[in-house]
Amino acid sequence: MRTLRILFVCVHNSFRSQLAQAIANQRHPSILKAFSAGLDTSRGINPLALAGALRHGYDLSSHHVTDVFELYKAGQTFDIVVAVCSKDAYERCPIFPGVHKRLHWPLDDPSAMQVSEEEKAYLTDKLIHQLEEKIDGLVTQVIEEKQV
């Protein structure tokens, strides 16, 4: 069985894409080798994402932000690219050569919400569950399509 290279992209690579990378690598290491990157990597990983990840058994402590255009310039290749951000950001992502599947999962960034810290933590937990379901569903789909 072949391991698929998957890239999760969001605007800052500080929240959604970082969580998606950790979830994919931990839940499906024999099927997916996940990476994450962003369009504007001027921020570090969001502390809300770090805390939420730990609550669910994921560790982002070794992660760092990566510029999607640097991966592109370096000639990195991916089987699947998933944008976990707005439609505008999705449309600004570079098209990587050889990508078999390009997906858009428009997920909200809890850190950008104008709500209490408690509500942001709840929304982070909800986001993690959404990502787990979407990633598990994607793995089921690629297995059924015999891409692995």
N, C-alpha and C. Protein backbone atom coordinates (compact mmCIF):
# COMPACT_ATOMS: atom_id res chain seq x y z
N MET A 1 0.84 -1.17 0.00
CA MET A 1 0.00 0.00 0.00
C MET A 1 0.89 1.25 0.00
N ARG A 2 0.59 2.18 -0.87
CA ARG A 2 1.38 3.39 -1.04
C ARG A 2 0.87 4.49 -0.09
N THR A 3 1.79 5.22 0.52
CA THR A 3 1.43 6.34 1.37
C THR A 3 1.24 7.58 0.49
N LEU A 4 0.12 8.26 0.68
CA LEU A 4 -0.18 9.47 -0.09
C LEU A 4 0.33 10.70 0.63
N ARG A 5 0.93 11.62 -0.11
CA ARG A 5 1.39 12.90 0.44
C ARG A 5 0.24 13.89 0.33
N ILE A 6 -0.15 14.44 1.47
CA ILE A 6 -1.27 15.38 1.51
C ILE A 6 -0.80 16.69 2.13
N LEU A 7 -1.22 17.78 1.52
CA LEU A 7 -0.88 19.12 2.01
C LEU A 7 -2.16 19.83 2.41
N PHE A 8 -2.19 20.30 3.65
CA PHE A 8 -3.30 21.12 4.15
C PHE A 8 -2.85 22.57 4.14
N VAL A 9 -3.66 23.43 3.53
CA VAL A 9 -3.31 24.84 3.38
C VAL A 9 -4.39 25.71 4.01
N CYS A 10 -3.96 26.73 4.76
CA CYS A 10 -4.86 27.78 5.22
C CYS A 10 -4.08 29.10 5.15
N VAL A 11 -4.72 30.17 5.49
CA VAL A 11 -4.11 31.49 5.27
C VAL A 11 -2.78 31.63 6.00
N HIS A 12 -2.76 31.40 7.31
CA HIS A 12 -1.55 31.68 8.09
C HIS A 12 -0.78 30.44 8.51
N ASN A 13 -1.32 29.25 8.24
CA ASN A 13 -0.69 28.01 8.70
C ASN A 13 -0.48 28.04 10.21
N SER A 14 -1.43 28.65 10.90
CA SER A 14 -1.28 28.79 12.35
C SER A 14 -2.35 28.04 13.13
N PHE A 15 -3.38 27.53 12.44
CA PHE A 15 -4.49 26.93 13.18
C PHE A 15 -5.05 25.69 12.48
N ARG A 16 -5.95 25.90 11.52
CA ARG A 16 -6.67 24.79 10.88
C ARG A 16 -5.76 23.80 10.18
N SER A 17 -4.85 24.30 9.37
CA SER A 17 -3.97 23.39 8.63
C SER A 17 -3.01 22.64 9.55
N GLN A 18 -2.57 23.29 10.62
CA GLN A 18 -1.70 22.62 11.60
C GLN A 18 -2.43 21.47 12.28
N LEU A 19 -3.69 21.73 12.68
CA LEU A 19 -4.48 20.67 13.30
C LEU A 19 -4.72 19.53 12.33
N ALA A 20 -5.06 19.86 11.08
CA ALA A 20 -5.31 18.82 10.08
C ALA A 20 -4.07 17.96 9.86
N GLN A 21 -2.90 18.58 9.81
CA GLN A 21 -1.66 17.83 9.62
C GLN A 21 -1.46 16.85 10.78
N ALA A 22 -1.63 17.32 12.00
CA ALA A 22 -1.43 16.46 13.16
C ALA A 22 -2.43 15.31 13.19
N ILE A 23 -3.69 15.62 12.90
CA ILE A 23 -4.73 14.60 12.91
C ILE A 23 -4.45 13.53 11.86
N ALA A 24 -4.17 13.95 10.64
CA ALA A 24 -3.91 12.99 9.56
C ALA A 24 -2.71 12.11 9.87
N ASN A 25 -1.63 12.71 10.34
CA ASN A 25 -0.42 11.92 10.62
C ASN A 25 -0.61 10.95 11.77
N GLN A 26 -1.39 11.35 12.77
CA GLN A 26 -1.58 10.47 13.92
C GLN A 26 -2.62 9.39 13.65
N ARG A 27 -3.71 9.72 12.97
CA ARG A 27 -4.80 8.76 12.76
C ARG A 27 -4.55 7.80 11.59
N HIS A 28 -3.80 8.24 10.58
CA HIS A 28 -3.63 7.44 9.37
C HIS A 28 -2.19 7.42 8.87
N PRO A 29 -1.22 7.08 9.73
CA PRO A 29 0.19 7.15 9.31
C PRO A 29 0.58 6.18 8.21
N SER A 30 -0.15 5.10 8.04
CA SER A 30 0.21 4.14 6.99
C SER A 30 -0.39 4.52 5.64
N ILE A 31 -1.30 5.50 5.64
CA ILE A 31 -1.98 5.90 4.41
C ILE A 31 -1.60 7.31 3.98
N LEU A 32 -1.45 8.21 4.98
CA LEU A 32 -1.18 9.62 4.67
C LEU A 32 0.12 10.09 5.31
N LYS A 33 0.88 10.85 4.58
CA LYS A 33 2.01 11.62 5.12
C LYS A 33 1.60 13.07 4.93
N ALA A 34 1.20 13.72 6.02
CA ALA A 34 0.60 15.05 5.95
C ALA A 34 1.61 16.16 6.22
N PHE A 35 1.38 17.27 5.52
CA PHE A 35 2.15 18.50 5.67
C PHE A 35 1.14 19.63 5.74
N SER A 36 1.59 20.80 6.18
CA SER A 36 0.72 21.97 6.17
C SER A 36 1.53 23.20 5.80
N ALA A 37 0.82 24.19 5.25
CA ALA A 37 1.47 25.43 4.83
C ALA A 37 0.43 26.53 4.76
N GLY A 38 0.92 27.77 4.61
CA GLY A 38 0.02 28.91 4.54
C GLY A 38 0.46 29.93 3.51
N LEU A 39 -0.46 30.84 3.23
CA LEU A 39 -0.21 31.90 2.25
C LEU A 39 0.56 33.07 2.88
N ASP A 40 0.33 33.34 4.16
CA ASP A 40 0.99 34.42 4.88
C ASP A 40 1.43 33.85 6.22
N THR A 41 2.69 33.52 6.33
CA THR A 41 3.18 32.81 7.51
C THR A 41 3.88 33.74 8.50
N SER A 42 3.35 34.94 8.64
CA SER A 42 3.96 35.91 9.55
C SER A 42 3.61 35.64 11.02
N ARG A 43 2.69 34.74 11.26
CA ARG A 43 2.29 34.39 12.63
C ARG A 43 2.86 33.03 13.00
N GLY A 44 2.98 32.79 14.27
CA GLY A 44 3.35 31.46 14.74
C GLY A 44 2.10 30.61 14.91
N ILE A 45 2.27 29.43 15.44
CA ILE A 45 1.12 28.56 15.69
C ILE A 45 0.31 29.16 16.83
N ASN A 46 -0.99 29.22 16.63
CA ASN A 46 -1.89 29.85 17.58
C ASN A 46 -1.96 29.03 18.87
N PRO A 47 -1.81 29.69 20.04
CA PRO A 47 -1.88 28.97 21.31
C PRO A 47 -3.21 28.24 21.52
N LEU A 48 -4.28 28.76 20.96
CA LEU A 48 -5.58 28.10 21.05
C LEU A 48 -5.54 26.75 20.32
N ALA A 49 -4.86 26.69 19.19
CA ALA A 49 -4.70 25.43 18.45
C ALA A 49 -3.84 24.46 19.25
N LEU A 50 -2.76 24.96 19.84
CA LEU A 50 -1.88 24.10 20.64
C LEU A 50 -2.65 23.47 21.79
N ALA A 51 -3.43 24.29 22.51
CA ALA A 51 -4.19 23.79 23.66
C ALA A 51 -5.27 22.81 23.22
N GLY A 52 -5.99 23.15 22.15
CA GLY A 52 -7.04 22.26 21.66
C GLY A 52 -6.48 20.92 21.21
N ALA A 53 -5.36 20.97 20.52
CA ALA A 53 -4.73 19.74 20.06
C ALA A 53 -4.38 18.84 21.25
N LEU A 54 -3.80 19.41 22.27
CA LEU A 54 -3.42 18.62 23.44
C LEU A 54 -4.64 18.01 24.13
N ARG A 55 -5.74 18.77 24.18
CA ARG A 55 -6.97 18.23 24.79
C ARG A 55 -7.45 16.97 24.07
N HIS A 56 -7.12 16.86 22.80
CA HIS A 56 -7.59 15.73 22.00
C HIS A 56 -6.48 14.72 21.70
N GLY A 57 -5.34 14.87 22.34
CA GLY A 57 -4.27 13.90 22.19
C GLY A 57 -3.35 14.11 20.99
N TYR A 58 -3.36 15.32 20.44
CA TYR A 58 -2.47 15.65 19.31
C TYR A 58 -1.41 16.62 19.81
N ASP A 59 -0.20 16.48 19.31
CA ASP A 59 0.91 17.31 19.76
C ASP A 59 1.43 18.15 18.61
N LEU A 60 1.33 19.46 18.75
CA LEU A 60 1.83 20.38 17.73
C LEU A 60 3.17 21.00 18.12
N SER A 61 3.77 20.54 19.22
CA SER A 61 4.97 21.21 19.73
C SER A 61 6.15 21.17 18.75
N SER A 62 6.21 20.18 17.88
CA SER A 62 7.32 20.11 16.92
C SER A 62 6.96 20.76 15.58
N HIS A 63 5.75 21.27 15.45
CA HIS A 63 5.32 21.90 14.20
C HIS A 63 5.88 23.31 14.06
N HIS A 64 5.99 23.77 12.83
CA HIS A 64 6.38 25.14 12.54
C HIS A 64 5.59 25.62 11.33
N VAL A 65 5.47 26.92 11.19
CA VAL A 65 4.72 27.45 10.05
C VAL A 65 5.58 27.35 8.79
N THR A 66 4.91 27.06 7.66
CA THR A 66 5.58 26.87 6.39
C THR A 66 4.86 27.67 5.32
N ASP A 67 5.62 28.32 4.47
CA ASP A 67 5.05 29.10 3.37
C ASP A 67 4.75 28.18 2.20
N VAL A 68 3.51 28.19 1.73
CA VAL A 68 3.09 27.30 0.65
C VAL A 68 3.90 27.57 -0.63
N PHE A 69 4.26 28.82 -0.87
CA PHE A 69 5.00 29.14 -2.08
C PHE A 69 6.44 28.64 -2.02
N GLU A 70 7.00 28.52 -0.81
CA GLU A 70 8.33 27.94 -0.66
C GLU A 70 8.30 26.45 -1.01
N LEU A 71 7.25 25.76 -0.59
CA LEU A 71 7.12 24.35 -0.96
C LEU A 71 7.01 24.20 -2.48
N TYR A 72 6.23 25.09 -3.07
CA TYR A 72 6.03 25.08 -4.52
C TYR A 72 7.36 25.32 -5.25
N LYS A 73 8.08 26.36 -4.81
CA LYS A 73 9.37 26.69 -5.44
C LYS A 73 10.39 25.57 -5.27
N ALA A 74 10.30 24.85 -4.15
CA ALA A 74 11.24 23.76 -3.88
C ALA A 74 10.89 22.50 -4.67
N GLY A 75 9.79 22.53 -5.40
CA GLY A 75 9.42 21.38 -6.22
C GLY A 75 8.75 20.26 -5.45
N GLN A 76 8.24 20.57 -4.25
CA GLN A 76 7.54 19.54 -3.49
C GLN A 76 6.32 19.05 -4.26
N THR A 77 6.03 17.78 -4.16
CA THR A 77 4.87 17.22 -4.84
C THR A 77 3.93 16.60 -3.81
N PHE A 78 2.65 16.64 -4.14
CA PHE A 78 1.62 16.11 -3.25
C PHE A 78 0.58 15.39 -4.10
N ASP A 79 0.00 14.34 -3.52
CA ASP A 79 -1.09 13.64 -4.18
C ASP A 79 -2.41 14.38 -3.98
N ILE A 80 -2.56 14.97 -2.79
CA ILE A 80 -3.79 15.65 -2.43
C ILE A 80 -3.44 16.99 -1.79
N VAL A 81 -4.16 18.04 -2.20
CA VAL A 81 -4.03 19.35 -1.56
C VAL A 81 -5.41 19.74 -1.07
N VAL A 82 -5.51 20.07 0.22
CA VAL A 82 -6.78 20.44 0.82
C VAL A 82 -6.65 21.84 1.42
N ALA A 83 -7.46 22.76 0.92
CA ALA A 83 -7.53 24.10 1.50
C ALA A 83 -8.60 24.08 2.58
N VAL A 84 -8.21 24.45 3.79
CA VAL A 84 -9.14 24.44 4.93
C VAL A 84 -9.43 25.89 5.34
N CYS A 85 -9.75 26.71 4.35
CA CYS A 85 -9.91 28.14 4.57
C CYS A 85 -11.00 28.70 3.67
N SER A 86 -11.03 30.02 3.57
CA SER A 86 -12.04 30.70 2.75
C SER A 86 -11.86 30.40 1.27
N LYS A 87 -12.90 30.68 0.49
CA LYS A 87 -12.84 30.47 -0.95
C LYS A 87 -11.76 31.35 -1.57
N ASP A 88 -11.63 32.59 -1.10
CA ASP A 88 -10.63 33.51 -1.63
C ASP A 88 -9.22 32.95 -1.43
N ALA A 89 -8.95 32.46 -0.23
CA ALA A 89 -7.63 31.89 0.05
C ALA A 89 -7.40 30.64 -0.79
N TYR A 90 -8.42 29.83 -0.93
CA TYR A 90 -8.33 28.61 -1.74
C TYR A 90 -7.93 28.95 -3.17
N GLU A 91 -8.53 30.00 -3.70
CA GLU A 91 -8.24 30.38 -5.09
C GLU A 91 -6.84 30.97 -5.25
N ARG A 92 -6.22 31.43 -4.17
CA ARG A 92 -4.86 31.98 -4.24
C ARG A 92 -3.78 30.92 -4.09
N CYS A 93 -4.16 29.69 -3.75
CA CYS A 93 -3.17 28.63 -3.55
C CYS A 93 -2.55 28.23 -4.89
N PRO A 94 -1.26 27.97 -4.89
CA PRO A 94 -0.63 27.53 -6.15
C PRO A 94 -1.12 26.14 -6.53
N ILE A 95 -1.08 25.85 -7.80
CA ILE A 95 -1.44 24.52 -8.30
C ILE A 95 -0.16 23.70 -8.36
N PHE A 96 -0.08 22.69 -7.53
CA PHE A 96 1.10 21.84 -7.50
C PHE A 96 1.01 20.82 -8.63
N PRO A 97 2.11 20.62 -9.35
CA PRO A 97 2.11 19.60 -10.41
C PRO A 97 1.86 18.21 -9.82
N GLY A 98 1.14 17.39 -10.55
CA GLY A 98 0.94 16.00 -10.15
C GLY A 98 -0.13 15.76 -9.12
N VAL A 99 -0.82 16.80 -8.67
CA VAL A 99 -1.86 16.61 -7.67
C VAL A 99 -3.02 15.84 -8.28
N HIS A 100 -3.43 14.76 -7.61
CA HIS A 100 -4.54 13.93 -8.10
C HIS A 100 -5.89 14.44 -7.60
N LYS A 101 -5.88 15.12 -6.46
CA LYS A 101 -7.12 15.56 -5.85
C LYS A 101 -6.87 16.91 -5.18
N ARG A 102 -7.70 17.88 -5.52
CA ARG A 102 -7.63 19.21 -4.92
C ARG A 102 -8.98 19.49 -4.30
N LEU A 103 -9.00 19.70 -2.98
CA LEU A 103 -10.25 19.84 -2.24
C LEU A 103 -10.30 21.17 -1.50
N HIS A 104 -11.52 21.62 -1.23
CA HIS A 104 -11.73 22.82 -0.44
C HIS A 104 -12.69 22.48 0.69
N TRP A 105 -12.21 22.58 1.92
CA TRP A 105 -13.05 22.40 3.09
C TRP A 105 -13.14 23.76 3.78
N PRO A 106 -14.17 24.55 3.54
CA PRO A 106 -14.27 25.90 4.13
C PRO A 106 -14.62 25.84 5.61
N LEU A 107 -13.61 25.73 6.44
CA LEU A 107 -13.79 25.62 7.89
C LEU A 107 -13.47 26.95 8.57
N ASP A 108 -14.26 27.28 9.58
CA ASP A 108 -14.07 28.54 10.30
C ASP A 108 -12.84 28.46 11.21
N ASP A 109 -12.19 29.60 11.38
CA ASP A 109 -11.05 29.75 12.28
C ASP A 109 -11.57 30.24 13.62
N PRO A 110 -11.59 29.41 14.66
CA PRO A 110 -12.12 29.83 15.96
C PRO A 110 -11.39 31.04 16.55
N SER A 111 -10.12 31.19 16.24
CA SER A 111 -9.37 32.32 16.81
C SER A 111 -9.80 33.65 16.23
N ALA A 112 -10.46 33.63 15.08
CA ALA A 112 -10.91 34.87 14.43
C ALA A 112 -12.31 35.28 14.87
N MET A 113 -12.96 34.46 15.65
CA MET A 113 -14.33 34.75 16.09
C MET A 113 -14.32 35.78 17.23
N GLN A 114 -15.31 36.63 17.22
CA GLN A 114 -15.45 37.64 18.28
C GLN A 114 -16.35 37.07 19.38
N VAL A 115 -15.82 36.09 20.11
CA VAL A 115 -16.54 35.43 21.19
C VAL A 115 -15.59 35.26 22.38
N SER A 116 -16.12 34.78 23.49
CA SER A 116 -15.30 34.57 24.69
C SER A 116 -14.24 33.50 24.46
N GLU A 117 -13.24 33.48 25.32
CA GLU A 117 -12.19 32.46 25.23
C GLU A 117 -12.78 31.06 25.44
N GLU A 118 -13.78 30.96 26.32
CA GLU A 118 -14.44 29.67 26.54
C GLU A 118 -15.13 29.20 25.27
N GLU A 119 -15.81 30.11 24.58
CA GLU A 119 -16.48 29.76 23.33
C GLU A 119 -15.46 29.40 22.25
N LYS A 120 -14.33 30.11 22.22
CA LYS A 120 -13.28 29.77 21.25
C LYS A 120 -12.75 28.36 21.49
N ALA A 121 -12.60 27.98 22.76
CA ALA A 121 -12.13 26.63 23.09
C ALA A 121 -13.16 25.60 22.61
N TYR A 122 -14.45 25.89 22.83
CA TYR A 122 -15.52 25.00 22.37
C TYR A 122 -15.48 24.88 20.84
N LEU A 123 -15.33 26.00 20.15
CA LEU A 123 -15.28 25.99 18.68
C LEU A 123 -14.04 25.27 18.16
N THR A 124 -12.95 25.35 18.91
CA THR A 124 -11.74 24.61 18.54
C THR A 124 -11.99 23.11 18.64
N ASP A 125 -12.63 22.68 19.72
CA ASP A 125 -12.97 21.26 19.86
C ASP A 125 -13.88 20.81 18.72
N LYS A 126 -14.84 21.64 18.37
CA LYS A 126 -15.75 21.33 17.27
C LYS A 126 -14.98 21.21 15.95
N LEU A 127 -14.04 22.13 15.72
CA LEU A 127 -13.21 22.10 14.52
C LEU A 127 -12.40 20.81 14.46
N ILE A 128 -11.82 20.41 15.58
CA ILE A 128 -11.02 19.18 15.61
C ILE A 128 -11.89 17.98 15.24
N HIS A 129 -13.10 17.92 15.77
CA HIS A 129 -14.01 16.82 15.41
C HIS A 129 -14.37 16.86 13.93
N GLN A 130 -14.60 18.06 13.38
CA GLN A 130 -14.89 18.19 11.94
C GLN A 130 -13.72 17.67 11.11
N LEU A 131 -12.51 18.07 11.50
CA LEU A 131 -11.33 17.63 10.76
C LEU A 131 -11.16 16.12 10.85
N GLU A 132 -11.37 15.55 12.03
CA GLU A 132 -11.26 14.10 12.18
C GLU A 132 -12.24 13.40 11.24
N GLU A 133 -13.47 13.87 11.21
CA GLU A 133 -14.49 13.25 10.34
C GLU A 133 -14.13 13.40 8.87
N LYS A 134 -13.70 14.59 8.47
CA LYS A 134 -13.37 14.84 7.07
C LYS A 134 -12.16 14.02 6.63
N ILE A 135 -11.14 13.96 7.48
CA ILE A 135 -9.93 13.20 7.14
C ILE A 135 -10.24 11.71 7.10
N ASP A 136 -11.01 11.21 8.07
CA ASP A 136 -11.39 9.80 8.05
C ASP A 136 -12.20 9.48 6.79
N GLY A 137 -13.11 10.38 6.42
CA GLY A 137 -13.90 10.20 5.20
C GLY A 137 -13.04 10.20 3.95
N LEU A 138 -12.06 11.09 3.92
CA LEU A 138 -11.15 11.14 2.77
C LEU A 138 -10.36 9.84 2.66
N VAL A 139 -9.89 9.33 3.78
CA VAL A 139 -9.13 8.07 3.76
C VAL A 139 -10.02 6.94 3.25
N THR A 140 -11.25 6.88 3.71
CA THR A 140 -12.19 5.86 3.21
C THR A 140 -12.35 5.99 1.71
N GLN A 141 -12.49 7.21 1.24
CA GLN A 141 -12.68 7.45 -0.20
C GLN A 141 -11.46 7.01 -1.01
N VAL A 142 -10.26 7.37 -0.57
CA VAL A 142 -9.07 7.00 -1.36
C VAL A 142 -8.83 5.50 -1.32
N ILE A 143 -9.21 4.85 -0.24
CA ILE A 143 -9.08 3.39 -0.18
C ILE A 143 -10.06 2.76 -1.18
N GLU A 144 -11.29 3.27 -1.19
CA GLU A 144 -12.29 2.74 -2.13
C GLU A 144 -11.88 2.99 -3.59
N GLU A 145 -11.21 4.10 -3.83
CA GLU A 145 -10.74 4.41 -5.18
C GLU A 145 -9.43 3.70 -5.51
N LYS A 146 -8.92 2.97 -4.51
CA LYS A 146 -7.68 2.21 -4.65
C LYS A 146 -6.49 3.10 -5.04
N GLN A 147 -6.43 4.28 -4.43
CA GLN A 147 -5.30 5.17 -4.68
C GLN A 147 -4.12 4.82 -3.79
N VAL A 148 -4.35 3.99 -2.79
CA VAL A 148 -3.26 3.60 -1.89
C VAL A 148 -2.94 2.13 -2.09
